[in-house]
Amino acid sequence: MEIWVNPRCSKCRSALSILDEAGVSYEVRRYLEEPPTVAELDAVLKRLGLDPWDIARMQEPEAVELGIKSWPRDEATRDRWLTALAEHPKLIQRPIITADDGTTVVGRTEEAVRSVLP
C-alpha cells in the first residue's frame, strides 16, 4: 500500500492513524518533496476513475495564480491539467491511497481510508 501525503495536512495525518490502527504496512510518499510524474498522475487518475480537475485544489494560491479554475475541463485540455499538477504538486488533493490490489482512493474521509483496508 502507498499513501501520498503532506505531513502538514490533518486529513493525511488522520489517514495514517487509521492505517496504523489497522496494522497494515504502507509506504509514505511525501508528494511535495517527490512529486508524481505526469504518467504517475495519469495512472492514479485512471484507477480513481477521475480526471485531473477532479483532484485539483482550486483554492490554493498557485491555482489562483495559474487561473486553473477557468480552464476548460475536457479531453483536449487534460494534458495541460496533468502537467500543472505535476509541476505544482500542492494542487493535488490529498491523501491519495493505493492499496496492494490497485484500488485507489482520495482518503479525505475515514470511510474512504477504510475502504482500501484488507
PDB file of N, CA and C in Angstrom:
ATOM      1  N   MET A   1       0.844  -1.166   0.000  1.00  0.00           N
ATOM      2  CA  MET A   1       0.000   0.000   0.000  1.00  0.00           C
ATOM      3  C   MET A   1       0.892   1.232   0.000  1.00  0.00           C
ATOM      4  N   GLU A   2       0.453   2.249  -0.749  1.00  0.00           N
ATOM      5  CA  GLU A   2       1.195   3.506  -0.796  1.00  0.00           C
ATOM      6  C   GLU A   2       0.230   4.647  -0.501  1.00  0.00           C
ATOM      7  N   ILE A   3       0.706   5.635   0.241  1.00  0.00           N
ATOM      8  CA  ILE A   3      -0.110   6.801   0.551  1.00  0.00           C
ATOM      9  C   ILE A   3       0.689   8.059   0.248  1.00  0.00           C
ATOM     10  N   TRP A   4       0.096   8.939  -0.552  1.00  0.00           N
ATOM     11  CA  TRP A   4       0.711  10.225  -0.866  1.00  0.00           C
ATOM     12  C   TRP A   4       0.236  11.214   0.179  1.00  0.00           C
ATOM     13  N   VAL A   5       1.177  11.809   0.900  1.00  0.00           N
ATOM     14  CA  VAL A   5       0.818  12.701   1.995  1.00  0.00           C
ATOM     15  C   VAL A   5       1.594  14.013   1.974  1.00  0.00           C
ATOM     16  N   ASN A   6       0.979  14.969   2.619  1.00  0.00           N
ATOM     17  CA  ASN A   6       1.624  16.204   3.031  1.00  0.00           C
ATOM     18  C   ASN A   6       1.575  16.143   4.559  1.00  0.00           C
ATOM     19  N   PRO A   7       2.707  16.015   5.237  1.00  0.00           N
ATOM     20  CA  PRO A   7       2.709  15.845   6.690  1.00  0.00           C
ATOM     21  C   PRO A   7       1.993  16.962   7.449  1.00  0.00           C
ATOM     22  N   ARG A   8       1.843  18.115   6.832  1.00  0.00           N
ATOM     23  CA  ARG A   8       1.183  19.240   7.497  1.00  0.00           C
ATOM     24  C   ARG A   8      -0.337  19.161   7.395  1.00  0.00           C
ATOM     25  N   CYS A   9      -0.841  18.215   6.630  1.00  0.00           N
ATOM     26  CA  CYS A   9      -2.274  18.090   6.367  1.00  0.00           C
ATOM     27  C   CYS A   9      -2.945  17.204   7.416  1.00  0.00           C
ATOM     28  N   SER A  10      -3.995  17.723   8.043  1.00  0.00           N
ATOM     29  CA  SER A  10      -4.691  16.954   9.082  1.00  0.00           C
ATOM     30  C   SER A  10      -5.378  15.713   8.507  1.00  0.00           C
ATOM     31  N   LYS A  11      -5.892  15.783   7.286  1.00  0.00           N
ATOM     32  CA  LYS A  11      -6.535  14.612   6.666  1.00  0.00           C
ATOM     33  C   LYS A  11      -5.501  13.516   6.418  1.00  0.00           C
ATOM     34  N   CYS A  12      -4.292  13.907   6.051  1.00  0.00           N
ATOM     35  CA  CYS A  12      -3.213  12.934   5.840  1.00  0.00           C
ATOM     36  C   CYS A  12      -2.826  12.267   7.147  1.00  0.00           C
ATOM     37  N   ARG A  13      -2.674  13.062   8.183  1.00  0.00           N
ATOM     38  CA  ARG A  13      -2.313  12.512   9.493  1.00  0.00           C
ATOM     39  C   ARG A  13      -3.405  11.575   9.999  1.00  0.00           C
ATOM     40  N   SER A  14      -4.649  11.941   9.772  1.00  0.00           N
ATOM     41  CA  SER A  14      -5.766  11.087  10.173  1.00  0.00           C
ATOM     42  C   SER A  14      -5.737   9.758   9.418  1.00  0.00           C
ATOM     43  N   ALA A  15      -5.484   9.816   8.108  1.00  0.00           N
ATOM     44  CA  ALA A  15      -5.418   8.596   7.298  1.00  0.00           C
ATOM     45  C   ALA A  15      -4.289   7.693   7.780  1.00  0.00           C
ATOM     46  N   LEU A  16      -3.142   8.278   8.082  1.00  0.00           N
ATOM     47  CA  LEU A  16      -2.015   7.489   8.582  1.00  0.00           C
ATOM     48  C   LEU A  16      -2.366   6.820   9.914  1.00  0.00           C
ATOM     49  N   SER A  17      -3.079   7.534  10.774  1.00  0.00           N
ATOM     50  CA  SER A  17      -3.501   6.957  12.053  1.00  0.00           C
ATOM     51  C   SER A  17      -4.419   5.760  11.842  1.00  0.00           C
ATOM     52  N   ILE A  18      -5.331   5.879  10.897  1.00  0.00           N
ATOM     53  CA  ILE A  18      -6.255   4.777  10.604  1.00  0.00           C
ATOM     54  C   ILE A  18      -5.485   3.565  10.086  1.00  0.00           C
ATOM     55  N   LEU A  19      -4.527   3.805   9.203  1.00  0.00           N
ATOM     56  CA  LEU A  19      -3.723   2.701   8.663  1.00  0.00           C
ATOM     57  C   LEU A  19      -2.896   2.053   9.776  1.00  0.00           C
ATOM     58  N   ASP A  20      -2.310   2.881  10.649  1.00  0.00           N
ATOM     59  CA  ASP A  20      -1.531   2.349  11.775  1.00  0.00           C
ATOM     60  C   ASP A  20      -2.413   1.526  12.706  1.00  0.00           C
ATOM     61  N   GLU A  21      -3.583   2.064  12.994  1.00  0.00           N
ATOM     62  CA  GLU A  21      -4.540   1.384  13.871  1.00  0.00           C
ATOM     63  C   GLU A  21      -4.938   0.017  13.300  1.00  0.00           C
ATOM     64  N   ALA A  22      -5.044  -0.048  11.974  1.00  0.00           N
ATOM     65  CA  ALA A  22      -5.434  -1.293  11.306  1.00  0.00           C
ATOM     66  C   ALA A  22      -4.265  -2.272  11.199  1.00  0.00           C
ATOM     67  N   GLY A  23      -3.049  -1.789  11.478  1.00  0.00           N
ATOM     68  CA  GLY A  23      -1.887  -2.663  11.446  1.00  0.00           C
ATOM     69  C   GLY A  23      -1.421  -3.052  10.053  1.00  0.00           C
ATOM     70  N   VAL A  24      -1.772  -2.252   9.065  1.00  0.00           N
ATOM     71  CA  VAL A  24      -1.341  -2.567   7.702  1.00  0.00           C
ATOM     72  C   VAL A  24       0.016  -1.921   7.423  1.00  0.00           C
ATOM     73  N   SER A  25       0.764  -2.523   6.517  1.00  0.00           N
ATOM     74  CA  SER A  25       2.035  -1.911   6.141  1.00  0.00           C
ATOM     75  C   SER A  25       1.788  -1.024   4.922  1.00  0.00           C
ATOM     76  N   TYR A  26       2.531   0.057   4.879  1.00  0.00           N
ATOM     77  CA  TYR A  26       2.363   1.014   3.783  1.00  0.00           C
ATOM     78  C   TYR A  26       3.646   1.802   3.599  1.00  0.00           C
ATOM     79  N   GLU A  27       3.759   2.379   2.418  1.00  0.00           N
ATOM     80  CA  GLU A  27       4.876   3.275   2.116  1.00  0.00           C
ATOM     81  C   GLU A  27       4.328   4.687   2.022  1.00  0.00           C
ATOM     82  N   VAL A  28       5.026   5.615   2.642  1.00  0.00           N
ATOM     83  CA  VAL A  28       4.631   7.015   2.590  1.00  0.00           C
ATOM     84  C   VAL A  28       5.400   7.700   1.471  1.00  0.00           C
ATOM     85  N   ARG A  29       4.669   8.420   0.665  1.00  0.00           N
ATOM     86  CA  ARG A  29       5.307   9.258  -0.350  1.00  0.00           C
ATOM     87  C   ARG A  29       4.945  10.699  -0.032  1.00  0.00           C
ATOM     88  N   ARG A  30       5.933  11.453   0.313  1.00  0.00           N
ATOM     89  CA  ARG A  30       5.736  12.882   0.553  1.00  0.00           C
ATOM     90  C   ARG A  30       5.756  13.551  -0.819  1.00  0.00           C
ATOM     91  N   TYR A  31       4.581  13.654  -1.379  1.00  0.00           N
ATOM     92  CA  TYR A  31       4.488  14.031  -2.790  1.00  0.00           C
ATOM     93  C   TYR A  31       4.896  15.479  -3.077  1.00  0.00           C
ATOM     94  N   LEU A  32       5.022  16.311  -2.046  1.00  0.00           N
ATOM     95  CA  LEU A  32       5.531  17.658  -2.282  1.00  0.00           C
ATOM     96  C   LEU A  32       7.047  17.631  -2.479  1.00  0.00           C
ATOM     97  N   GLU A  33       7.702  16.677  -1.818  1.00  0.00           N
ATOM     98  CA  GLU A  33       9.151  16.518  -1.947  1.00  0.00           C
ATOM     99  C   GLU A  33       9.515  15.642  -3.138  1.00  0.00           C
ATOM    100  N   GLU A  34       8.654  14.696  -3.448  1.00  0.00           N
ATOM    101  CA  GLU A  34       8.862  13.768  -4.560  1.00  0.00           C
ATOM    102  C   GLU A  34       7.600  13.770  -5.430  1.00  0.00           C
ATOM    103  N   PRO A  35       7.422  14.842  -6.210  1.00  0.00           N
ATOM    104  CA  PRO A  35       6.195  14.985  -6.991  1.00  0.00           C
ATOM    105  C   PRO A  35       5.994  13.842  -7.986  1.00  0.00           C
ATOM    106  N   PRO A  36       4.741  13.460  -8.171  1.00  0.00           N
ATOM    107  CA  PRO A  36       4.460  12.433  -9.175  1.00  0.00           C
ATOM    108  C   PRO A  36       4.677  12.983 -10.576  1.00  0.00           C
ATOM    109  N   THR A  37       5.037  12.087 -11.469  1.00  0.00           N
ATOM    110  CA  THR A  37       5.186  12.469 -12.866  1.00  0.00           C
ATOM    111  C   THR A  37       3.799  12.545 -13.508  1.00  0.00           C
ATOM    112  N   VAL A  38       3.757  13.079 -14.699  1.00  0.00           N
ATOM    113  CA  VAL A  38       2.509  13.115 -15.451  1.00  0.00           C
ATOM    114  C   VAL A  38       1.983  11.697 -15.642  1.00  0.00           C
ATOM    115  N   ALA A  39       2.875  10.762 -15.959  1.00  0.00           N
ATOM    116  CA  ALA A  39       2.463   9.369 -16.168  1.00  0.00           C
ATOM    117  C   ALA A  39       1.908   8.756 -14.875  1.00  0.00           C
ATOM    118  N   GLU A  40       2.547   9.042 -13.742  1.00  0.00           N
ATOM    119  CA  GLU A  40       2.054   8.522 -12.463  1.00  0.00           C
ATOM    120  C   GLU A  40       0.681   9.105 -12.124  1.00  0.00           C
ATOM    121  N   LEU A  41       0.529  10.396 -12.347  1.00  0.00           N
ATOM    122  CA  LEU A  41      -0.768  11.030 -12.104  1.00  0.00           C
ATOM    123  C   LEU A  41      -1.844  10.429 -12.998  1.00  0.00           C
ATOM    124  N   ASP A  42      -1.509  10.249 -14.257  1.00  0.00           N
ATOM    125  CA  ASP A  42      -2.468   9.670 -15.203  1.00  0.00           C
ATOM    126  C   ASP A  42      -2.898   8.277 -14.750  1.00  0.00           C
ATOM    127  N   ALA A  43      -1.937   7.464 -14.309  1.00  0.00           N
ATOM    128  CA  ALA A  43      -2.250   6.108 -13.853  1.00  0.00           C
ATOM    129  C   ALA A  43      -3.133   6.139 -12.608  1.00  0.00           C
ATOM    130  N   VAL A  44      -2.831   7.019 -11.659  1.00  0.00           N
ATOM    131  CA  VAL A  44      -3.635   7.136 -10.442  1.00  0.00           C
ATOM    132  C   VAL A  44      -5.052   7.592 -10.794  1.00  0.00           C
ATOM    133  N   LEU A  45      -5.155   8.557 -11.672  1.00  0.00           N
ATOM    134  CA  LEU A  45      -6.475   9.055 -12.063  1.00  0.00           C
ATOM    135  C   LEU A  45      -7.308   7.976 -12.750  1.00  0.00           C
ATOM    136  N   LYS A  46      -6.662   7.154 -13.561  1.00  0.00           N
ATOM    137  CA  LYS A  46      -7.384   6.049 -14.202  1.00  0.00           C
ATOM    138  C   LYS A  46      -7.916   5.079 -13.156  1.00  0.00           C
ATOM    139  N   ARG A  47      -7.096   4.783 -12.141  1.00  0.00           N
ATOM    140  CA  ARG A  47      -7.560   3.888 -11.068  1.00  0.00           C
ATOM    141  C   ARG A  47      -8.672   4.533 -10.251  1.00  0.00           C
ATOM    142  N   LEU A  48      -8.607   5.840 -10.075  1.00  0.00           N
ATOM    143  CA  LEU A  48      -9.645   6.551  -9.344  1.00  0.00           C
ATOM    144  C   LEU A  48     -10.925   6.711 -10.169  1.00  0.00           C
ATOM    145  N   GLY A  49     -10.783   6.643 -11.496  1.00  0.00           N
ATOM    146  CA  GLY A  49     -11.922   6.913 -12.372  1.00  0.00           C
ATOM    147  C   GLY A  49     -12.258   8.396 -12.407  1.00  0.00           C
ATOM    148  N   LEU A  50     -11.217   9.233 -12.253  1.00  0.00           N
ATOM    149  CA  LEU A  50     -11.403  10.680 -12.213  1.00  0.00           C
ATOM    150  C   LEU A  50     -10.548  11.367 -13.267  1.00  0.00           C
ATOM    151  N   ASP A  51     -10.802  12.643 -13.443  1.00  0.00           N
ATOM    152  CA  ASP A  51      -9.996  13.485 -14.312  1.00  0.00           C
ATOM    153  C   ASP A  51      -9.146  14.410 -13.453  1.00  0.00           C
ATOM    154  N   PRO A  52      -8.110  15.019 -14.024  1.00  0.00           N
ATOM    155  CA  PRO A  52      -7.200  15.849 -13.220  1.00  0.00           C
ATOM    156  C   PRO A  52      -7.916  16.981 -12.476  1.00  0.00           C
ATOM    157  N   TRP A  53      -8.894  17.601 -13.101  1.00  0.00           N
ATOM    158  CA  TRP A  53      -9.605  18.706 -12.461  1.00  0.00           C
ATOM    159  C   TRP A  53     -10.425  18.241 -11.262  1.00  0.00           C
ATOM    160  N   ASP A  54     -10.715  16.945 -11.193  1.00  0.00           N
ATOM    161  CA  ASP A  54     -11.461  16.404 -10.056  1.00  0.00           C
ATOM    162  C   ASP A  54     -10.625  16.344  -8.780  1.00  0.00           C
ATOM    163  N   ILE A  55      -9.302  16.318  -8.912  1.00  0.00           N
ATOM    164  CA  ILE A  55      -8.437  16.237  -7.728  1.00  0.00           C
ATOM    165  C   ILE A  55      -7.611  17.508  -7.540  1.00  0.00           C
ATOM    166  N   ALA A  56      -7.954  18.554  -8.289  1.00  0.00           N
ATOM    167  CA  ALA A  56      -7.208  19.811  -8.183  1.00  0.00           C
ATOM    168  C   ALA A  56      -7.752  20.658  -7.036  1.00  0.00           C
ATOM    169  N   ARG A  57      -6.850  21.189  -6.259  1.00  0.00           N
ATOM    170  CA  ARG A  57      -7.207  22.076  -5.144  1.00  0.00           C
ATOM    171  C   ARG A  57      -7.278  23.497  -5.707  1.00  0.00           C
ATOM    172  N   MET A  58      -8.465  23.911  -6.055  1.00  0.00           N
ATOM    173  CA  MET A  58      -8.684  25.165  -6.783  1.00  0.00           C
ATOM    174  C   MET A  58      -8.424  26.427  -5.957  1.00  0.00           C
ATOM    175  N   GLN A  59      -8.441  26.305  -4.636  1.00  0.00           N
ATOM    176  CA  GLN A  59      -8.283  27.492  -3.790  1.00  0.00           C
ATOM    177  C   GLN A  59      -6.827  27.765  -3.403  1.00  0.00           C
ATOM    178  N   GLU A  60      -5.926  26.851  -3.743  1.00  0.00           N
ATOM    179  CA  GLU A  60      -4.519  27.073  -3.423  1.00  0.00           C
ATOM    180  C   GLU A  60      -4.022  28.333  -4.147  1.00  0.00           C
ATOM    181  N   PRO A  61      -3.131  29.108  -3.517  1.00  0.00           N
ATOM    182  CA  PRO A  61      -2.605  30.308  -4.172  1.00  0.00           C
ATOM    183  C   PRO A  61      -2.024  30.026  -5.567  1.00  0.00           C
ATOM    184  N   GLU A  62      -1.363  28.887  -5.718  1.00  0.00           N
ATOM    185  CA  GLU A  62      -0.802  28.552  -7.032  1.00  0.00           C
ATOM    186  C   GLU A  62      -1.908  28.340  -8.067  1.00  0.00           C
ATOM    187  N   ALA A  63      -3.028  27.775  -7.645  1.00  0.00           N
ATOM    188  CA  ALA A  63      -4.157  27.556  -8.555  1.00  0.00           C
ATOM    189  C   ALA A  63      -4.737  28.886  -9.005  1.00  0.00           C
ATOM    190  N   VAL A  64      -4.858  29.789  -8.049  1.00  0.00           N
ATOM    191  CA  VAL A  64      -5.386  31.115  -8.363  1.00  0.00           C
ATOM    192  C   VAL A  64      -4.437  31.831  -9.325  1.00  0.00           C
ATOM    193  N   GLU A  65      -3.140  31.731  -9.028  1.00  0.00           N
ATOM    194  CA  GLU A  65      -2.134  32.376  -9.876  1.00  0.00           C
ATOM    195  C   GLU A  65      -2.172  31.823 -11.305  1.00  0.00           C
ATOM    196  N   LEU A  66      -2.338  30.517 -11.430  1.00  0.00           N
ATOM    197  CA  LEU A  66      -2.406  29.885 -12.753  1.00  0.00           C
ATOM    198  C   LEU A  66      -3.749  30.121 -13.443  1.00  0.00           C
ATOM    199  N   GLY A  67      -4.754  30.437 -12.655  1.00  0.00           N
ATOM    200  CA  GLY A  67      -6.091  30.637 -13.215  1.00  0.00           C
ATOM    201  C   GLY A  67      -6.767  29.346 -13.639  1.00  0.00           C
ATOM    202  N   ILE A  68      -6.406  28.227 -13.013  1.00  0.00           N
ATOM    203  CA  ILE A  68      -6.924  26.937 -13.480  1.00  0.00           C
ATOM    204  C   ILE A  68      -8.427  26.780 -13.306  1.00  0.00           C
ATOM    205  N   LYS A  69      -8.998  27.538 -12.397  1.00  0.00           N
ATOM    206  CA  LYS A  69     -10.443  27.447 -12.185  1.00  0.00           C
ATOM    207  C   LYS A  69     -11.209  27.738 -13.482  1.00  0.00           C
ATOM    208  N   SER A  70     -10.619  28.565 -14.327  1.00  0.00           N
ATOM    209  CA  SER A  70     -11.291  28.938 -15.576  1.00  0.00           C
ATOM    210  C   SER A  70     -10.874  28.080 -16.771  1.00  0.00           C
ATOM    211  N   TRP A  71      -9.942  27.137 -16.556  1.00  0.00           N
ATOM    212  CA  TRP A  71      -9.511  26.289 -17.667  1.00  0.00           C
ATOM    213  C   TRP A  71     -10.646  25.359 -18.093  1.00  0.00           C
ATOM    214  N   PRO A  72     -10.720  25.084 -19.388  1.00  0.00           N
ATOM    215  CA  PRO A  72     -11.712  24.100 -19.847  1.00  0.00           C
ATOM    216  C   PRO A  72     -11.427  22.734 -19.211  1.00  0.00           C
ATOM    217  N   ARG A  73     -12.483  21.998 -19.015  1.00  0.00           N
ATOM    218  CA  ARG A  73     -12.374  20.658 -18.421  1.00  0.00           C
ATOM    219  C   ARG A  73     -12.860  19.652 -19.446  1.00  0.00           C
ATOM    220  N   ASP A  74     -11.940  19.324 -20.337  1.00  0.00           N
ATOM    221  CA  ASP A  74     -12.281  18.389 -21.404  1.00  0.00           C
ATOM    222  C   ASP A  74     -11.042  17.609 -21.820  1.00  0.00           C
ATOM    223  N   GLU A  75     -11.242  16.628 -22.664  1.00  0.00           N
ATOM    224  CA  GLU A  75     -10.134  15.755 -23.102  1.00  0.00           C
ATOM    225  C   GLU A  75      -9.015  16.552 -23.763  1.00  0.00           C
ATOM    226  N   ALA A  76      -9.368  17.603 -24.476  1.00  0.00           N
ATOM    227  CA  ALA A  76      -8.367  18.406 -25.185  1.00  0.00           C
ATOM    228  C   ALA A  76      -7.409  19.122 -24.228  1.00  0.00           C
ATOM    229  N   THR A  77      -7.861  19.409 -23.008  1.00  0.00           N
ATOM    230  CA  THR A  77      -7.003  20.127 -22.050  1.00  0.00           C
ATOM    231  C   THR A  77      -6.494  19.229 -20.925  1.00  0.00           C
ATOM    232  N   ARG A  78      -6.798  17.946 -21.002  1.00  0.00           N
ATOM    233  CA  ARG A  78      -6.400  17.013 -19.941  1.00  0.00           C
ATOM    234  C   ARG A  78      -4.887  17.046 -19.692  1.00  0.00           C
ATOM    235  N   ASP A  79      -4.094  17.031 -20.765  1.00  0.00           N
ATOM    236  CA  ASP A  79      -2.630  17.056 -20.612  1.00  0.00           C
ATOM    237  C   ASP A  79      -2.151  18.341 -19.930  1.00  0.00           C
ATOM    238  N   ARG A  80      -2.802  19.444 -20.241  1.00  0.00           N
ATOM    239  CA  ARG A  80      -2.441  20.718 -19.603  1.00  0.00           C
ATOM    240  C   ARG A  80      -2.675  20.616 -18.093  1.00  0.00           C
ATOM    241  N   TRP A  81      -3.794  20.032 -17.694  1.00  0.00           N
ATOM    242  CA  TRP A  81      -4.094  19.845 -16.282  1.00  0.00           C
ATOM    243  C   TRP A  81      -3.077  18.919 -15.621  1.00  0.00           C
ATOM    244  N   LEU A  82      -2.778  17.796 -16.272  1.00  0.00           N
ATOM    245  CA  LEU A  82      -1.809  16.843 -15.713  1.00  0.00           C
ATOM    246  C   LEU A  82      -0.447  17.505 -15.508  1.00  0.00           C
ATOM    247  N   THR A  83      -0.015  18.263 -16.479  1.00  0.00           N
ATOM    248  CA  THR A  83       1.267  18.956 -16.382  1.00  0.00           C
ATOM    249  C   THR A  83       1.254  19.950 -15.219  1.00  0.00           C
ATOM    250  N   ALA A  84       0.167  20.693 -15.083  1.00  0.00           N
ATOM    251  CA  ALA A  84       0.069  21.664 -13.985  1.00  0.00           C
ATOM    252  C   ALA A  84       0.148  20.967 -12.629  1.00  0.00           C
ATOM    253  N   LEU A  85      -0.538  19.832 -12.488  1.00  0.00           N
ATOM    254  CA  LEU A  85      -0.495  19.105 -11.213  1.00  0.00           C
ATOM    255  C   LEU A  85       0.895  18.541 -10.939  1.00  0.00           C
ATOM    256  N   ALA A  86       1.561  18.050 -11.968  1.00  0.00           N
ATOM    257  CA  ALA A  86       2.912  17.512 -11.797  1.00  0.00           C
ATOM    258  C   ALA A  86       3.907  18.622 -11.437  1.00  0.00           C
ATOM    259  N   GLU A  87       3.744  19.781 -12.042  1.00  0.00           N
ATOM    260  CA  GLU A  87       4.656  20.893 -11.795  1.00  0.00           C
ATOM    261  C   GLU A  87       4.338  21.644 -10.498  1.00  0.00           C
ATOM    262  N   HIS A  88       3.099  21.530 -10.043  1.00  0.00           N
ATOM    263  CA  HIS A  88       2.650  22.221  -8.829  1.00  0.00           C
ATOM    264  C   HIS A  88       1.920  21.219  -7.939  1.00  0.00           C
ATOM    265  N   PRO A  89       2.656  20.310  -7.296  1.00  0.00           N
ATOM    266  CA  PRO A  89       2.009  19.230  -6.546  1.00  0.00           C
ATOM    267  C   PRO A  89       1.122  19.706  -5.387  1.00  0.00           C
ATOM    268  N   LYS A  90       1.288  20.942  -4.923  1.00  0.00           N
ATOM    269  CA  LYS A  90       0.392  21.457  -3.882  1.00  0.00           C
ATOM    270  C   LYS A  90      -1.057  21.457  -4.355  1.00  0.00           C
ATOM    271  N   LEU A  91      -1.246  21.416  -5.666  1.00  0.00           N
ATOM    272  CA  LEU A  91      -2.595  21.455  -6.226  1.00  0.00           C
ATOM    273  C   LEU A  91      -3.304  20.100  -6.161  1.00  0.00           C
ATOM    274  N   ILE A  92      -2.578  19.044  -5.795  1.00  0.00           N
ATOM    275  CA  ILE A  92      -3.152  17.696  -5.777  1.00  0.00           C
ATOM    276  C   ILE A  92      -3.895  17.457  -4.460  1.00  0.00           C
ATOM    277  N   GLN A  93      -5.139  17.021  -4.595  1.00  0.00           N
ATOM    278  CA  GLN A  93      -5.930  16.653  -3.416  1.00  0.00           C
ATOM    279  C   GLN A  93      -5.231  15.522  -2.672  1.00  0.00           C
ATOM    280  N   ARG A  94      -5.366  15.485  -1.375  1.00  0.00           N
ATOM    281  CA  ARG A  94      -4.649  14.511  -0.568  1.00  0.00           C
ATOM    282  C   ARG A  94      -5.499  14.036   0.590  1.00  0.00           C
ATOM    283  N   PRO A  95      -5.132  12.914   1.168  1.00  0.00           N
ATOM    284  CA  PRO A  95      -4.132  11.931   0.741  1.00  0.00           C
ATOM    285  C   PRO A  95      -4.699  11.023  -0.345  1.00  0.00           C
ATOM    286  N   ILE A  96      -3.820  10.506  -1.160  1.00  0.00           N
ATOM    287  CA  ILE A  96      -4.219   9.513  -2.162  1.00  0.00           C
ATOM    288  C   ILE A  96      -3.592   8.190  -1.726  1.00  0.00           C
ATOM    289  N   ILE A  97      -4.437   7.181  -1.613  1.00  0.00           N
ATOM    290  CA  ILE A  97      -4.001   5.867  -1.125  1.00  0.00           C
ATOM    291  C   ILE A  97      -4.232   4.836  -2.212  1.00  0.00           C
ATOM    292  N   THR A  98      -3.189   4.057  -2.505  1.00  0.00           N
ATOM    293  CA  THR A  98      -3.306   2.943  -3.443  1.00  0.00           C
ATOM    294  C   THR A  98      -3.034   1.661  -2.677  1.00  0.00           C
ATOM    295  N   ALA A  99      -4.049   0.792  -2.641  1.00  0.00           N
ATOM    296  CA  ALA A  99      -3.920  -0.486  -1.953  1.00  0.00           C
ATOM    297  C   ALA A  99      -3.097  -1.446  -2.800  1.00  0.00           C
ATOM    298  N   ASP A 100      -2.681  -2.531  -2.180  1.00  0.00           N
ATOM    299  CA  ASP A 100      -1.861  -3.525  -2.880  1.00  0.00           C
ATOM    300  C   ASP A 100      -2.571  -4.115  -4.095  1.00  0.00           C
ATOM    301  N   ASP A 101      -3.906  -4.160  -4.058  1.00  0.00           N
ATOM    302  CA  ASP A 101      -4.653  -4.715  -5.198  1.00  0.00           C
ATOM    303  C   ASP A 101      -4.907  -3.676  -6.292  1.00  0.00           C
ATOM    304  N   GLY A 102      -4.374  -2.453  -6.111  1.00  0.00           N
ATOM    305  CA  GLY A 102      -4.530  -1.406  -7.116  1.00  0.00           C
ATOM    306  C   GLY A 102      -5.689  -0.467  -6.853  1.00  0.00           C
ATOM    307  N   THR A 103      -6.568  -0.832  -5.922  1.00  0.00           N
ATOM    308  CA  THR A 103      -7.668   0.054  -5.569  1.00  0.00           C
ATOM    309  C   THR A 103      -7.095   1.366  -5.059  1.00  0.00           C
ATOM    310  N   THR A 104      -7.633   2.473  -5.549  1.00  0.00           N
ATOM    311  CA  THR A 104      -7.103   3.787  -5.196  1.00  0.00           C
ATOM    312  C   THR A 104      -8.241   4.694  -4.751  1.00  0.00           C
ATOM    313  N   VAL A 105      -7.988   5.464  -3.692  1.00  0.00           N
ATOM    314  CA  VAL A 105      -8.986   6.407  -3.179  1.00  0.00           C
ATOM    315  C   VAL A 105      -8.311   7.711  -2.779  1.00  0.00           C
ATOM    316  N   VAL A 106      -9.101   8.768  -2.791  1.00  0.00           N
ATOM    317  CA  VAL A 106      -8.694  10.009  -2.155  1.00  0.00           C
ATOM    318  C   VAL A 106      -9.229   9.875  -0.732  1.00  0.00           C
ATOM    319  N   GLY A 107      -8.319   9.717   0.214  1.00  0.00           N
ATOM    320  CA  GLY A 107      -8.686   9.364   1.584  1.00  0.00           C
ATOM    321  C   GLY A 107      -9.029  10.532   2.478  1.00  0.00           C
ATOM    322  N   ARG A 108      -9.962  11.351   2.076  1.00  0.00           N
ATOM    323  CA  ARG A 108     -10.326  12.524   2.870  1.00  0.00           C
ATOM    324  C   ARG A 108     -11.316  12.191   3.975  1.00  0.00           C
ATOM    325  N   THR A 109     -11.928  11.023   3.895  1.00  0.00           N
ATOM    326  CA  THR A 109     -12.853  10.605   4.953  1.00  0.00           C
ATOM    327  C   THR A 109     -12.377   9.289   5.538  1.00  0.00           C
ATOM    328  N   GLU A 110     -12.817   9.008   6.758  1.00  0.00           N
ATOM    329  CA  GLU A 110     -12.466   7.745   7.388  1.00  0.00           C
ATOM    330  C   GLU A 110     -12.993   6.583   6.560  1.00  0.00           C
ATOM    331  N   GLU A 111     -14.184   6.725   6.026  1.00  0.00           N
ATOM    332  CA  GLU A 111     -14.797   5.658   5.221  1.00  0.00           C
ATOM    333  C   GLU A 111     -13.944   5.346   3.978  1.00  0.00           C
ATOM    334  N   ALA A 112     -13.447   6.402   3.327  1.00  0.00           N
ATOM    335  CA  ALA A 112     -12.620   6.199   2.131  1.00  0.00           C
ATOM    336  C   ALA A 112     -11.334   5.452   2.486  1.00  0.00           C
ATOM    337  N   VAL A 113     -10.706   5.844   3.586  1.00  0.00           N
ATOM    338  CA  VAL A 113      -9.472   5.170   4.011  1.00  0.00           C
ATOM    339  C   VAL A 113      -9.749   3.716   4.338  1.00  0.00           C
ATOM    340  N   ARG A 114     -10.794   3.465   5.090  1.00  0.00           N
ATOM    341  CA  ARG A 114     -11.133   2.090   5.488  1.00  0.00           C
ATOM    342  C   ARG A 114     -11.535   1.227   4.288  1.00  0.00           C
ATOM    343  N   SER A 115     -11.986   1.846   3.218  1.00  0.00           N
ATOM    344  CA  SER A 115     -12.418   1.070   2.043  1.00  0.00           C
ATOM    345  C   SER A 115     -11.266   0.343   1.351  1.00  0.00           C
ATOM    346  N   VAL A 116     -10.040   0.757   1.598  1.00  0.00           N
ATOM    347  CA  VAL A 116      -8.887   0.097   0.966  1.00  0.00           C
ATOM    348  C   VAL A 116      -8.167  -0.869   1.917  1.00  0.00           C
ATOM    349  N   LEU A 117      -8.681  -1.001   3.118  1.00  0.00           N
ATOM    350  CA  LEU A 117      -8.055  -1.933   4.064  1.00  0.00           C
ATOM    351  C   LEU A 117      -8.391  -3.373   3.661  1.00  0.00           C
ATOM    352  N   PRO A 118      -7.425  -4.273   3.889  1.00  0.00           N
ATOM    353  CA  PRO A 118      -7.693  -5.670   3.527  1.00  0.00           C
ATOM    354  C   PRO A 118      -8.785  -6.290   4.392  1.00  0.00           C
TER     355      PRO A 118
END
